[in-house]
Structures are given as C-alpha cells and as structure tokens.
C-alpha cells in the first residue's frame, strides 16, 4: 500500500491487480499487467510513476512494472529475478531508477 497525502493518491493491491484511488475526487482505476500476485508497491516522490512487483512463476521471472499514473499505462516491465521481490523504494534523486530488496540483491 502507498499513500501520498498531498495528492490524495492511495494505491493498494488485490492479487495481480493494482487499485489506484484518488481520495480527493473519489475516483478509482485498476492497473492490470502482472501474471502473479503483487508483493510490493512504491511511488515516485512526485506521484507520477508507480512501481509494482510480483513474484516469479514456473515460466516467468519476478516482474517490476513501472506505471504512468496519469494515463494508467505500464511503460516498462523489468524482469530478471528468480526470487520474490519483498521491497521497492523509489529514490528522491534521479541517480537510480528504483531500489529493491530480494534474496540476492540487484540495484537498478
């Protein structure tokens, strides 16, 4: 779950689905793109990009989807890890895309 009190952005997951709520307007969007259950979310400090991560399956490595929250479109899918991604963090600076914690660490 992520919440940005200043913009009213509230995001949470339900299985393979990301639910985006605008608490100011009361509207809701559903972001679909994962094939496995989503384990964690992170939002960029400006609230424009959301990262969601799901675990691996027998045929697909763990996935990180990068969503443009203005149009609800997945702009990029990062797929590399054989293990569950347990934590994502979007940095305040632009020196890295996102940081994640898994059993074997990789930093993008």
N, C-alpha and C. Protein backbone atom coordinates (compact mmCIF):
# COMPACT_ATOMS: atom_id res chain seq x y z
N UNK A 1 0.84 -1.17 0.00
CA UNK A 1 0.00 0.00 0.00
C UNK A 1 0.90 1.24 0.00
N UNK A 2 0.52 2.24 -0.79
CA UNK A 2 1.20 3.53 -0.76
C UNK A 2 0.15 4.64 -0.68
N UNK A 3 0.54 5.74 -0.04
CA UNK A 3 -0.37 6.87 0.14
C UNK A 3 0.44 8.15 0.05
N UNK A 4 -0.01 9.08 -0.77
CA UNK A 4 0.57 10.42 -0.85
C UNK A 4 -0.51 11.40 -0.41
N UNK A 5 -0.41 11.83 0.82
CA UNK A 5 -1.45 12.67 1.41
C UNK A 5 -1.64 13.98 0.66
N UNK A 6 -0.55 14.53 0.10
CA UNK A 6 -0.64 15.83 -0.57
C UNK A 6 -1.41 15.77 -1.89
N UNK A 7 -1.38 14.62 -2.57
CA UNK A 7 -2.07 14.49 -3.85
C UNK A 7 -3.37 13.69 -3.74
N UNK A 8 -3.56 13.00 -2.63
CA UNK A 8 -4.74 12.15 -2.48
C UNK A 8 -4.58 10.77 -3.10
N UNK A 9 -3.37 10.45 -3.59
CA UNK A 9 -3.11 9.15 -4.20
C UNK A 9 -3.08 8.08 -3.11
N UNK A 10 -3.87 7.04 -3.31
CA UNK A 10 -3.89 5.88 -2.43
C UNK A 10 -3.88 4.65 -3.33
N UNK A 11 -2.86 3.80 -3.21
CA UNK A 11 -2.75 2.61 -4.06
C UNK A 11 -2.57 1.37 -3.20
N UNK A 12 -3.23 0.30 -3.61
CA UNK A 12 -3.09 -0.97 -2.93
C UNK A 12 -3.28 -2.09 -3.95
N UNK A 13 -3.02 -3.31 -3.53
CA UNK A 13 -3.11 -4.43 -4.46
C UNK A 13 -4.21 -5.40 -4.04
N UNK A 14 -4.67 -6.14 -5.03
CA UNK A 14 -5.59 -7.25 -4.81
C UNK A 14 -5.19 -8.34 -5.80
N UNK A 15 -4.40 -9.28 -5.33
CA UNK A 15 -3.90 -10.33 -6.22
C UNK A 15 -2.94 -9.76 -7.25
N UNK A 16 -3.31 -9.87 -8.53
CA UNK A 16 -2.48 -9.38 -9.64
C UNK A 16 -2.86 -7.97 -10.08
N UNK A 17 -3.72 -7.33 -9.35
CA UNK A 17 -4.30 -6.04 -9.72
C UNK A 17 -3.81 -4.93 -8.80
N UNK A 18 -3.48 -3.77 -9.40
CA UNK A 18 -3.17 -2.57 -8.61
C UNK A 18 -4.41 -1.68 -8.64
N UNK A 19 -4.87 -1.26 -7.48
CA UNK A 19 -6.01 -0.37 -7.38
C UNK A 19 -5.49 1.02 -7.01
N UNK A 20 -5.83 2.01 -7.84
CA UNK A 20 -5.43 3.39 -7.61
C UNK A 20 -6.68 4.19 -7.25
N UNK A 21 -6.66 4.81 -6.09
CA UNK A 21 -7.78 5.66 -5.69
C UNK A 21 -7.30 7.10 -5.55
N UNK A 22 -8.11 8.02 -6.03
CA UNK A 22 -7.88 9.44 -5.80
C UNK A 22 -8.82 9.83 -4.66
N UNK A 23 -8.25 10.02 -3.49
CA UNK A 23 -9.08 10.30 -2.31
C UNK A 23 -9.73 11.68 -2.37
N UNK A 24 -9.20 12.58 -3.20
CA UNK A 24 -9.81 13.91 -3.34
C UNK A 24 -11.07 13.86 -4.20
N UNK A 25 -11.02 13.09 -5.30
CA UNK A 25 -12.17 13.05 -6.21
C UNK A 25 -13.06 11.83 -6.00
N UNK A 26 -12.54 10.80 -5.32
CA UNK A 26 -13.31 9.58 -5.12
C UNK A 26 -13.28 8.62 -6.30
N UNK A 27 -12.41 8.88 -7.28
CA UNK A 27 -12.33 8.01 -8.45
C UNK A 27 -11.37 6.86 -8.19
N UNK A 28 -11.52 5.81 -8.99
CA UNK A 28 -10.70 4.61 -8.84
C UNK A 28 -10.32 4.09 -10.22
N UNK A 29 -9.06 3.62 -10.35
CA UNK A 29 -8.56 2.98 -11.57
C UNK A 29 -7.97 1.63 -11.19
N UNK A 30 -8.01 0.68 -12.13
CA UNK A 30 -7.40 -0.63 -11.94
C UNK A 30 -6.29 -0.80 -12.97
N UNK A 31 -5.10 -1.16 -12.50
CA UNK A 31 -3.96 -1.38 -13.38
C UNK A 31 -3.70 -2.87 -13.47
N UNK A 32 -3.77 -3.41 -14.68
CA UNK A 32 -3.60 -4.84 -14.91
C UNK A 32 -2.38 -5.07 -15.79
N UNK A 33 -1.53 -6.02 -15.40
CA UNK A 33 -0.35 -6.33 -16.18
C UNK A 33 0.49 -7.44 -15.57
N UNK A 34 0.27 -7.72 -14.29
CA UNK A 34 1.02 -8.79 -13.63
C UNK A 34 0.34 -10.13 -13.86
N UNK A 35 1.16 -11.18 -13.91
CA UNK A 35 0.63 -12.53 -14.05
C UNK A 35 0.65 -13.30 -12.73
N UNK A 36 1.39 -12.76 -11.75
CA UNK A 36 1.46 -13.37 -10.42
C UNK A 36 1.04 -12.32 -9.38
N UNK A 37 0.79 -12.76 -8.16
CA UNK A 37 0.36 -11.86 -7.10
C UNK A 37 1.41 -10.78 -6.82
N UNK A 38 0.94 -9.55 -6.67
CA UNK A 38 1.83 -8.42 -6.41
C UNK A 38 2.25 -8.43 -4.95
N UNK A 39 3.56 -8.25 -4.73
CA UNK A 39 4.10 -8.32 -3.37
C UNK A 39 4.39 -6.95 -2.75
N UNK A 40 4.65 -5.93 -3.57
CA UNK A 40 5.01 -4.63 -3.02
C UNK A 40 4.79 -3.52 -4.04
N UNK A 41 4.63 -2.31 -3.52
CA UNK A 41 4.44 -1.10 -4.35
C UNK A 41 5.38 0.00 -3.87
N UNK A 42 5.69 0.91 -4.78
CA UNK A 42 6.44 2.12 -4.42
C UNK A 42 6.00 3.22 -5.38
N UNK A 43 5.97 4.45 -4.89
CA UNK A 43 5.57 5.58 -5.73
C UNK A 43 6.70 6.60 -5.76
N UNK A 44 6.90 7.20 -6.94
CA UNK A 44 7.91 8.23 -7.09
C UNK A 44 7.52 9.45 -6.26
N UNK A 45 8.51 10.22 -5.81
CA UNK A 45 8.23 11.34 -4.90
C UNK A 45 7.27 12.37 -5.48
N UNK A 46 7.23 12.51 -6.82
CA UNK A 46 6.31 13.46 -7.44
C UNK A 46 4.93 12.85 -7.72
N UNK A 47 4.77 11.56 -7.44
CA UNK A 47 3.48 10.89 -7.60
C UNK A 47 3.09 10.57 -9.03
N UNK A 48 4.04 10.64 -9.97
CA UNK A 48 3.72 10.38 -11.37
C UNK A 48 3.97 8.95 -11.82
N UNK A 49 4.90 8.26 -11.15
CA UNK A 49 5.26 6.89 -11.52
C UNK A 49 5.06 5.99 -10.31
N UNK A 50 4.44 4.83 -10.56
CA UNK A 50 4.27 3.81 -9.53
C UNK A 50 4.99 2.56 -9.99
N UNK A 51 5.71 1.92 -9.09
CA UNK A 51 6.35 0.63 -9.37
C UNK A 51 5.62 -0.44 -8.59
N UNK A 52 5.32 -1.55 -9.26
CA UNK A 52 4.69 -2.70 -8.61
C UNK A 52 5.52 -3.93 -8.93
N UNK A 53 5.66 -4.82 -7.95
CA UNK A 53 6.48 -6.02 -8.13
C UNK A 53 5.67 -7.26 -7.82
N UNK A 54 5.89 -8.28 -8.63
CA UNK A 54 5.24 -9.57 -8.41
C UNK A 54 6.29 -10.66 -8.44
N UNK A 55 5.96 -11.77 -7.81
CA UNK A 55 6.90 -12.88 -7.70
C UNK A 55 7.01 -13.71 -8.96
N UNK A 56 7.96 -14.63 -8.97
CA UNK A 56 8.17 -15.48 -10.14
C UNK A 56 7.14 -16.60 -10.22
N UNK A 57 7.03 -17.15 -11.41
CA UNK A 57 6.24 -18.36 -11.62
C UNK A 57 7.15 -19.40 -12.25
N UNK A 58 6.59 -20.51 -12.69
CA UNK A 58 7.40 -21.54 -13.33
C UNK A 58 7.97 -21.08 -14.66
N UNK A 59 7.30 -20.14 -15.31
CA UNK A 59 7.72 -19.72 -16.65
C UNK A 59 8.21 -18.27 -16.74
N UNK A 60 7.95 -17.45 -15.71
CA UNK A 60 8.29 -16.03 -15.76
C UNK A 60 9.07 -15.65 -14.51
N UNK A 61 10.13 -14.85 -14.69
CA UNK A 61 10.87 -14.32 -13.54
C UNK A 61 10.01 -13.27 -12.84
N UNK A 62 10.45 -12.86 -11.66
CA UNK A 62 9.75 -11.76 -10.96
C UNK A 62 9.68 -10.54 -11.87
N UNK A 63 8.60 -9.78 -11.74
CA UNK A 63 8.40 -8.61 -12.59
C UNK A 63 8.26 -7.35 -11.77
N UNK A 64 8.82 -6.28 -12.30
CA UNK A 64 8.56 -4.94 -11.78
C UNK A 64 7.93 -4.16 -12.93
N UNK A 65 6.72 -3.68 -12.71
CA UNK A 65 6.03 -2.86 -13.70
C UNK A 65 6.14 -1.39 -13.28
N UNK A 66 6.49 -0.54 -14.22
CA UNK A 66 6.56 0.90 -13.97
C UNK A 66 5.38 1.55 -14.67
N UNK A 67 4.48 2.13 -13.89
CA UNK A 67 3.21 2.66 -14.38
C UNK A 67 3.24 4.18 -14.43
N UNK A 68 2.76 4.74 -15.52
CA UNK A 68 2.49 6.17 -15.61
C UNK A 68 1.11 6.37 -15.00
N UNK A 69 1.04 7.06 -13.87
CA UNK A 69 -0.23 7.19 -13.17
C UNK A 69 -1.19 8.17 -13.83
N UNK A 70 -0.70 9.02 -14.71
CA UNK A 70 -1.61 9.94 -15.40
C UNK A 70 -2.51 9.21 -16.38
N UNK A 71 -1.95 8.22 -17.11
CA UNK A 71 -2.78 7.51 -18.08
C UNK A 71 -3.02 6.04 -17.72
N UNK A 72 -2.38 5.55 -16.64
CA UNK A 72 -2.60 4.17 -16.20
C UNK A 72 -1.94 3.12 -17.06
N UNK A 73 -0.93 3.51 -17.84
CA UNK A 73 -0.27 2.59 -18.77
C UNK A 73 1.06 2.13 -18.17
N UNK A 74 1.32 0.83 -18.31
CA UNK A 74 2.62 0.28 -17.90
C UNK A 74 3.64 0.67 -18.96
N UNK A 75 4.61 1.47 -18.58
CA UNK A 75 5.61 1.99 -19.52
C UNK A 75 6.80 1.06 -19.68
N UNK A 76 7.07 0.23 -18.67
CA UNK A 76 8.24 -0.65 -18.73
C UNK A 76 8.04 -1.82 -17.77
N UNK A 77 8.46 -3.01 -18.19
CA UNK A 77 8.46 -4.18 -17.33
C UNK A 77 9.91 -4.65 -17.18
N UNK A 78 10.38 -4.71 -15.94
CA UNK A 78 11.71 -5.22 -15.64
C UNK A 78 11.55 -6.63 -15.13
N UNK A 79 12.22 -7.58 -15.76
CA UNK A 79 12.07 -8.98 -15.39
C UNK A 79 13.46 -9.61 -15.38
N UNK A 80 13.90 -9.99 -14.19
CA UNK A 80 15.25 -10.54 -14.07
C UNK A 80 15.37 -11.55 -12.93
N UNK A 81 14.71 -11.30 -11.84
CA UNK A 81 14.94 -12.03 -10.60
C UNK A 81 14.21 -13.36 -10.55
N UNK A 82 14.88 -14.36 -10.00
CA UNK A 82 14.28 -15.68 -9.81
C UNK A 82 13.59 -15.80 -8.47
N UNK A 83 13.76 -14.79 -7.61
CA UNK A 83 13.19 -14.82 -6.26
C UNK A 83 12.12 -13.75 -6.10
N UNK A 84 11.35 -13.87 -5.05
CA UNK A 84 10.31 -12.89 -4.73
C UNK A 84 10.94 -11.54 -4.40
N UNK A 85 10.36 -10.48 -4.88
CA UNK A 85 10.78 -9.13 -4.53
C UNK A 85 9.96 -8.71 -3.32
N UNK A 86 10.64 -8.36 -2.24
CA UNK A 86 9.94 -8.09 -0.99
C UNK A 86 9.82 -6.61 -0.66
N UNK A 87 10.59 -5.76 -1.33
CA UNK A 87 10.54 -4.34 -1.01
C UNK A 87 11.03 -3.52 -2.20
N UNK A 88 10.34 -2.44 -2.50
CA UNK A 88 10.75 -1.47 -3.52
C UNK A 88 10.80 -0.10 -2.87
N UNK A 89 11.71 0.74 -3.37
CA UNK A 89 11.75 2.13 -2.91
C UNK A 89 12.16 2.99 -4.08
N UNK A 90 11.40 4.03 -4.34
CA UNK A 90 11.75 4.98 -5.39
C UNK A 90 12.59 6.08 -4.74
N UNK A 91 13.80 6.30 -5.24
CA UNK A 91 14.67 7.32 -4.63
C UNK A 91 14.19 8.73 -4.92
N UNK A 92 14.56 9.66 -4.05
CA UNK A 92 14.22 11.07 -4.25
C UNK A 92 15.07 11.66 -5.34
N UNK A 93 16.32 11.23 -5.45
CA UNK A 93 17.21 11.70 -6.51
C UNK A 93 17.02 10.84 -7.75
N UNK A 94 17.61 11.24 -8.85
CA UNK A 94 17.43 10.50 -10.10
C UNK A 94 18.66 9.68 -10.46
N UNK A 95 19.50 9.33 -9.48
CA UNK A 95 20.70 8.56 -9.80
C UNK A 95 20.43 7.07 -9.97
N UNK A 96 19.25 6.60 -9.60
CA UNK A 96 18.86 5.21 -9.86
C UNK A 96 17.36 5.17 -10.09
N UNK A 97 16.93 4.16 -10.82
CA UNK A 97 15.51 4.02 -11.17
C UNK A 97 14.69 3.63 -9.96
N UNK A 98 15.06 2.55 -9.32
CA UNK A 98 14.40 2.12 -8.11
C UNK A 98 15.34 1.21 -7.36
N UNK A 99 15.07 1.01 -6.11
CA UNK A 99 15.88 0.14 -5.29
C UNK A 99 15.00 -0.98 -4.79
N UNK A 100 15.55 -2.18 -4.72
CA UNK A 100 14.73 -3.30 -4.29
C UNK A 100 15.52 -4.22 -3.38
N UNK A 101 14.77 -4.99 -2.60
CA UNK A 101 15.38 -5.96 -1.70
C UNK A 101 14.84 -7.33 -2.06
N UNK A 102 15.76 -8.24 -2.36
CA UNK A 102 15.40 -9.63 -2.67
C UNK A 102 16.43 -10.52 -1.99
N UNK A 103 16.32 -11.81 -2.20
CA UNK A 103 17.28 -12.72 -1.60
C UNK A 103 18.70 -12.46 -2.09
N UNK A 104 18.88 -12.23 -3.39
CA UNK A 104 20.15 -11.80 -3.97
C UNK A 104 19.96 -10.40 -4.49
N UNK A 105 20.70 -9.43 -4.01
CA UNK A 105 20.41 -8.02 -4.30
C UNK A 105 20.88 -7.57 -5.68
N UNK A 106 20.04 -6.80 -6.33
CA UNK A 106 20.36 -6.13 -7.59
C UNK A 106 19.81 -4.73 -7.47
N UNK A 107 20.56 -3.74 -7.94
CA UNK A 107 20.12 -2.34 -7.89
C UNK A 107 20.03 -1.82 -9.30
N UNK A 108 18.86 -1.25 -9.66
CA UNK A 108 18.72 -0.62 -10.97
C UNK A 108 18.86 0.86 -10.81
